[in-house]
Amino acid sequence: MLTRGWTRVRPGDCAIALQGTLNQPAYFVYARGSRAHAGPTRAWGGRIRLCAKETNFAIDVPVGAAHCASDDAFLVPFASIATGHKASWTTTLTEPTHFVTPVAVKVAAIARLLGDLGYNAGATSQALAASLGDFRIRMRLPANAGDADVLDALETEALKSSAPAGYTVCNDGRAEIWAAIGLHLNRGNFARGWWDLPPGACARILTQPLNVMAVYLHVTKIGNPNLVSGPARFCTGAGSFELSAATQCGGQGHTALGFAETSTRGLSGYVAHIDNSGLLPPPPKFTQSRAAR
């Protein structure tokens, strides 16, 4: 069984999860709501338990495996979708609330995220328009910014207002980036990568509450291989990798790279934001909450 993810689908939109002509009688689908929303997380699935990871992944496991081989993989309940050997297929994910049109879905999503950010967005259409106008001005969104741009900005800001347990990296820039992390553990150094983040996306790289003094980060993009770098050195691989201190760098596609330190002392969660120029400083709210712990 091969599982792969995640395909990001904005509210009211469509996205291609599997390219090319379909050639199987059935496929399996699991979906979940964005972690940016402060309300309950919505999930869509079924009874077939398959392996997934928090961030971009491709996992190949034997059929019927009772557990996932990787430490950061976990079983989630996929739904079986019978496509009957059709060349293409569309699966629609809905909510208990009935939305008549895709536009209504986008409006509801915008209102939810504005509410998460403290705006009065649910009382009337006039209140929603006023709150959205204020948000556009505050974020300096261009006048021609569409729903996709607004939703991306809202999701990014909502993720800033809360640091979920673990370590999250968000791409606030305009180009695709790749991120890797390093840790100083009692048993030695450990590094893991690469996470592929398109513009506006976030990756929750560590999912458990943090119990380390710092997490080290290296980020690259096309045209700037050291978008985020620093004096700490960790061994990295050319593709997806998990490397410990026992790995000899040099040869076999391994390279020692510089990593920037992000202080996580006293924190259970941290969100690192990357823009076109590099690592952004933590927002004031985040710094204050950290000092109070």
Protein backbone atom coordinates (compact mmCIF):
# COMPACT_ATOMS: atom_id res chain seq x y z
CA MET A 1 0.00 0.00 0.00
CA LEU A 2 1.29 3.45 -0.93
CA THR A 3 -0.08 6.46 0.94
CA ARG A 4 0.92 10.01 0.09
CA GLY A 5 -0.08 13.49 1.23
CA TRP A 6 -0.95 16.17 1.84
CA THR A 7 -2.90 17.87 -0.94
CA ARG A 8 -4.01 21.32 0.27
CA VAL A 9 -7.58 22.20 -0.76
CA ARG A 10 -8.91 25.65 0.07
CA PRO A 11 -12.57 25.90 1.12
CA GLY A 12 -14.85 25.98 -1.92
CA ASP A 13 -12.05 24.95 -4.32
CA CYS A 14 -10.81 21.78 -5.98
CA ALA A 15 -7.29 20.31 -6.09
CA ILE A 16 -5.76 17.34 -7.93
CA ALA A 17 -4.52 14.78 -5.40
CA LEU A 18 -3.36 12.18 -7.96
CA GLN A 19 -2.12 13.10 -11.42
CA GLY A 20 -2.75 11.01 -14.52
CA THR A 21 -5.28 8.39 -15.56
CA LEU A 22 -6.70 6.22 -12.77
CA ASN A 23 -6.12 2.47 -13.15
CA GLN A 24 -7.45 0.93 -9.92
CA PRO A 25 -11.04 -0.05 -9.01
CA ALA A 26 -10.82 1.76 -5.66
CA TYR A 27 -8.75 4.40 -3.86
CA PHE A 28 -8.57 5.50 -0.24
CA VAL A 29 -9.03 9.05 1.04
CA TYR A 30 -8.55 10.79 4.38
CA ALA A 31 -8.88 14.54 4.89
CA ARG A 32 -8.81 16.93 7.85
CA GLY A 33 -9.47 20.60 8.46
CA SER A 34 -6.72 23.19 8.79
CA ARG A 35 -5.08 23.43 12.20
CA ALA A 36 -5.27 27.22 11.86
CA HIS A 37 -8.96 27.16 12.82
CA ALA A 38 -9.48 27.44 16.57
CA GLY A 39 -12.67 25.38 16.50
CA PRO A 40 -12.99 21.58 16.45
CA THR A 41 -10.91 19.90 13.74
CA ARG A 42 -13.15 18.39 11.04
CA ALA A 43 -12.02 15.08 9.52
CA TRP A 44 -13.31 12.93 6.67
CA GLY A 45 -12.48 9.24 6.52
CA GLY A 46 -13.72 5.71 6.97
CA ARG A 47 -12.66 2.38 8.46
CA ILE A 48 -9.47 1.50 6.56
CA ARG A 49 -6.49 2.35 8.78
CA LEU A 50 -3.41 3.40 6.79
CA CYS A 51 -0.22 5.25 7.65
CA ALA A 52 0.24 9.02 7.32
CA LYS A 53 2.51 11.73 8.69
CA GLU A 54 1.86 15.28 9.84
CA THR A 55 3.62 16.79 6.83
CA ASN A 56 4.39 15.87 3.21
CA PHE A 57 5.00 12.13 2.95
CA ALA A 58 5.02 9.04 0.75
CA ILE A 59 4.83 5.76 2.70
CA ASP A 60 5.03 2.24 1.23
CA VAL A 61 3.88 -0.46 3.68
CA PRO A 62 2.71 -4.09 3.36
CA VAL A 63 -1.01 -4.61 2.97
CA GLY A 64 -2.65 -5.23 6.35
CA ALA A 65 0.24 -3.87 8.43
CA ALA A 66 -0.89 -3.35 12.03
CA HIS A 67 1.49 -0.47 12.70
CA CYS A 68 3.65 2.08 10.89
CA ALA A 69 7.39 1.45 10.63
CA SER A 70 8.45 5.09 11.04
CA ASP A 71 8.33 6.71 14.49
CA ASP A 72 6.65 9.87 13.14
CA ALA A 73 3.99 8.01 11.13
CA PHE A 74 0.59 7.08 12.53
CA LEU A 75 -2.56 5.23 11.47
CA VAL A 76 -5.58 7.25 10.36
CA PRO A 77 -8.98 6.00 9.12
CA PHE A 78 -9.22 6.26 5.32
CA ALA A 79 -12.47 5.91 3.39
CA SER A 80 -12.65 3.50 0.47
CA ILE A 81 -13.76 5.22 -2.75
CA ALA A 82 -14.95 2.82 -5.47
CA THR A 83 -14.04 4.42 -8.80
CA GLY A 84 -14.96 1.38 -10.96
CA HIS A 85 -11.87 1.72 -13.17
CA LYS A 86 -12.99 5.15 -14.37
CA ALA A 87 -10.21 7.28 -15.83
CA SER A 88 -10.93 10.22 -13.52
CA TRP A 89 -12.87 10.81 -10.33
CA THR A 90 -13.92 13.70 -8.08
CA THR A 91 -14.58 13.27 -4.36
CA THR A 92 -16.46 16.07 -2.61
CA LEU A 93 -15.88 16.80 1.08
CA THR A 94 -18.87 18.42 2.80
CA GLU A 95 -19.90 19.57 6.27
CA PRO A 96 -23.13 18.99 8.21
CA THR A 97 -24.04 22.62 7.48
CA HIS A 98 -25.38 22.78 3.93
CA PHE A 99 -23.66 25.37 1.75
CA VAL A 100 -25.48 25.97 -1.52
CA THR A 101 -22.51 27.20 -3.56
CA PRO A 102 -18.69 27.15 -3.39
CA VAL A 103 -18.84 30.91 -2.82
CA ALA A 104 -20.90 30.34 0.34
CA VAL A 105 -18.23 27.88 1.54
CA LYS A 106 -15.48 30.48 1.05
CA VAL A 107 -17.49 33.16 2.86
CA ALA A 108 -18.04 30.80 5.82
CA ALA A 109 -14.33 29.92 5.92
CA ILE A 110 -13.31 33.59 5.86
CA ALA A 111 -15.79 34.39 8.65
CA ARG A 112 -14.47 31.52 10.80
CA LEU A 113 -10.84 32.58 10.47
CA LEU A 114 -11.67 36.24 11.08
CA GLY A 115 -13.47 35.14 14.25
CA ASP A 116 -10.39 33.14 15.29
CA LEU A 117 -8.38 36.37 14.97
CA GLY A 118 -10.77 38.30 17.21
CA TYR A 119 -12.88 40.08 14.58
CA ASN A 120 -16.64 40.48 14.79
CA ALA A 121 -17.39 38.53 11.65
CA GLY A 122 -20.51 36.47 12.27
CA ALA A 123 -23.33 38.84 13.23
CA THR A 124 -24.27 40.42 9.91
CA SER A 125 -22.96 40.66 6.36
CA GLN A 126 -22.06 44.29 7.08
CA ALA A 127 -19.97 43.25 10.11
CA LEU A 128 -18.21 40.62 8.02
CA ALA A 129 -17.45 43.12 5.26
CA ALA A 130 -16.12 45.67 7.76
CA SER A 131 -13.92 43.07 9.50
CA LEU A 132 -12.60 41.76 6.20
CA GLY A 133 -11.85 45.30 5.02
CA ASP A 134 -9.92 45.99 8.20
CA PHE A 135 -7.95 42.76 7.81
CA ARG A 136 -7.09 43.59 4.18
CA ILE A 137 -5.77 47.01 5.22
CA ARG A 138 -3.79 45.63 8.16
CA MET A 139 -2.19 42.95 5.99
CA ARG A 140 -1.69 45.40 3.09
CA LEU A 141 -3.37 43.06 0.66
CA PRO A 142 -3.69 44.52 -2.85
CA ALA A 143 -7.12 45.64 -4.00
CA ASN A 144 -7.26 42.82 -6.57
CA ALA A 145 -6.43 40.09 -4.01
CA GLY A 146 -8.89 37.23 -4.51
CA ASP A 147 -10.45 34.77 -2.10
CA ALA A 148 -7.43 32.45 -2.33
CA ASP A 149 -5.05 35.25 -1.29
CA VAL A 150 -7.34 36.29 1.56
CA LEU A 151 -7.71 32.71 2.85
CA ASP A 152 -3.94 32.15 2.69
CA ALA A 153 -3.29 35.35 4.66
CA LEU A 154 -5.99 34.52 7.22
CA GLU A 155 -4.63 31.00 7.75
CA THR A 156 -1.09 32.28 8.19
CA GLU A 157 -2.17 34.89 10.75
CA ALA A 158 -4.36 32.39 12.62
CA LEU A 159 -1.41 30.01 12.94
CA LYS A 160 0.66 32.90 14.35
CA SER A 161 -1.85 33.51 17.12
CA SER A 162 -1.49 30.02 18.52
CA ALA A 163 1.55 27.78 18.71
CA PRO A 164 0.33 24.16 18.64
CA ALA A 165 2.34 21.59 20.54
CA GLY A 166 5.46 20.63 18.64
CA TYR A 167 7.43 22.52 16.01
CA THR A 168 5.78 24.10 12.97
CA VAL A 169 7.33 25.88 9.99
CA CYS A 170 5.21 28.31 7.91
CA ASN A 171 6.08 29.67 4.47
CA ASP A 172 5.07 33.35 4.45
CA GLY A 173 7.00 34.05 1.25
CA ARG A 174 6.12 33.92 -2.44
CA ALA A 175 8.24 30.90 -3.47
CA GLU A 176 8.35 27.21 -2.60
CA ILE A 177 10.80 26.30 0.19
CA TRP A 178 12.28 23.13 1.70
CA ALA A 179 12.98 22.86 5.44
CA ALA A 180 15.06 20.58 7.66
CA ILE A 181 15.48 20.56 11.44
CA GLY A 182 18.27 19.51 13.79
CA LEU A 183 18.23 18.59 17.49
CA HIS A 184 20.90 18.21 20.18
CA LEU A 185 19.76 15.13 22.12
CA ASN A 186 21.37 13.16 24.94
CA ARG A 187 22.31 10.43 22.48
CA GLY A 188 23.85 12.95 20.04
CA ASN A 189 22.80 15.13 17.15
CA PHE A 190 19.75 14.27 15.05
CA ALA A 191 18.52 15.83 11.80
CA ARG A 192 15.44 15.29 9.67
CA GLY A 193 14.20 16.69 6.35
CA TRP A 194 13.13 17.77 3.80
CA TRP A 195 9.65 19.27 4.14
CA ASP A 196 8.28 20.85 0.97
CA LEU A 197 6.25 24.00 1.71
CA PRO A 198 4.53 25.92 -1.08
CA PRO A 199 3.72 29.61 -0.45
CA GLY A 200 1.16 30.02 2.34
CA ALA A 201 1.59 26.49 3.68
CA CYS A 202 2.67 25.28 7.13
CA ALA A 203 4.27 21.99 8.15
CA ARG A 204 4.05 20.59 11.68
CA ILE A 205 7.44 18.88 11.79
CA LEU A 206 7.49 17.79 15.44
CA THR A 207 4.11 16.74 16.78
CA GLN A 208 4.84 16.14 20.47
CA PRO A 209 5.21 18.94 23.07
CA LEU A 210 8.74 20.31 22.96
CA ASN A 211 11.19 19.32 25.70
CA VAL A 212 14.41 20.74 24.22
CA MET A 213 16.19 24.05 24.72
CA ALA A 214 16.34 24.77 20.99
CA VAL A 215 15.38 23.45 17.58
CA TYR A 216 17.78 24.18 14.73
CA LEU A 217 16.47 25.07 11.28
CA HIS A 218 17.81 25.13 7.74
CA VAL A 219 15.63 26.33 4.86
CA THR A 220 16.45 26.42 1.17
CA LYS A 221 14.69 27.64 -1.96
CA ILE A 222 15.54 27.87 -5.62
CA GLY A 223 18.13 30.63 -6.01
CA ASN A 224 18.98 30.75 -2.29
CA PRO A 225 20.18 27.45 -0.76
CA ASN A 226 20.82 29.17 2.60
CA LEU A 227 17.56 31.10 3.06
CA VAL A 228 17.76 30.12 6.74
CA SER A 229 21.15 29.03 8.01
CA GLY A 230 23.46 29.46 11.01
CA PRO A 231 26.59 28.29 12.82
CA ALA A 232 25.23 24.95 14.09
CA ARG A 233 26.24 22.08 11.79
CA PHE A 234 24.07 19.04 11.07
CA CYS A 235 24.36 16.28 8.50
CA THR A 236 21.67 16.29 5.79
CA GLY A 237 20.67 14.07 2.90
CA ALA A 238 19.80 14.85 -0.70
CA GLY A 239 16.25 13.50 -0.40
CA SER A 240 14.00 12.63 2.52
CA PHE A 241 16.31 11.76 5.43
CA GLU A 242 16.62 11.03 9.15
CA LEU A 243 20.26 11.08 10.27
CA SER A 244 21.87 10.63 13.68
CA ALA A 245 25.31 11.57 14.99
CA ALA A 246 26.57 8.15 13.94
CA THR A 247 26.20 9.08 10.26
CA GLN A 248 29.43 10.10 8.56
CA CYS A 249 28.91 13.19 6.42
CA GLY A 250 30.58 13.26 3.04
CA GLY A 251 29.75 10.82 0.30
CA GLN A 252 26.52 8.87 -0.09
CA GLY A 253 24.62 12.11 -0.72
CA HIS A 254 25.22 13.44 2.80
CA THR A 255 26.26 17.05 3.36
CA ALA A 256 26.93 19.08 6.52
CA LEU A 257 24.90 22.32 6.46
CA GLY A 258 24.53 25.31 8.77
CA PHE A 259 21.38 25.55 10.89
CA ALA A 260 19.90 28.57 12.68
CA GLU A 261 18.92 28.24 16.34
CA THR A 262 15.30 28.87 17.37
CA SER A 263 15.01 28.99 21.14
CA THR A 264 12.21 26.78 22.48
CA ARG A 265 13.15 26.87 26.17
CA GLY A 266 10.02 26.62 28.31
CA LEU A 267 7.72 26.19 25.30
CA SER A 268 5.54 23.25 24.34
CA GLY A 269 4.98 24.65 20.85
CA TYR A 270 6.82 26.92 18.42
CA VAL A 271 5.94 28.26 14.96
CA ALA A 272 8.85 29.41 12.77
CA HIS A 273 7.79 31.83 10.02
CA ILE A 274 9.87 32.15 6.85
CA ASP A 275 9.45 34.97 4.33
CA ASN A 276 11.36 35.85 1.16
CA SER A 277 14.33 37.16 3.17
CA GLY A 278 14.61 34.40 5.78
CA LEU A 279 13.53 33.59 9.34
CA LEU A 280 11.17 36.11 10.93
CA PRO A 281 11.46 37.02 14.63
CA PRO A 282 8.72 35.65 16.92
CA PRO A 283 5.72 37.99 17.16
CA PRO A 284 5.45 40.05 20.40
CA LYS A 285 2.55 37.95 21.72
CA PHE A 286 4.64 34.80 21.33
CA THR A 287 7.65 36.38 23.06
CA GLN A 288 5.49 37.53 26.01
CA SER A 289 3.85 34.15 26.47
CA ARG A 290 7.23 32.53 26.44
CA ALA A 291 8.59 34.87 29.13
CA ALA A 292 5.62 34.18 31.37
CA ARG A 293 6.17 30.42 31.44
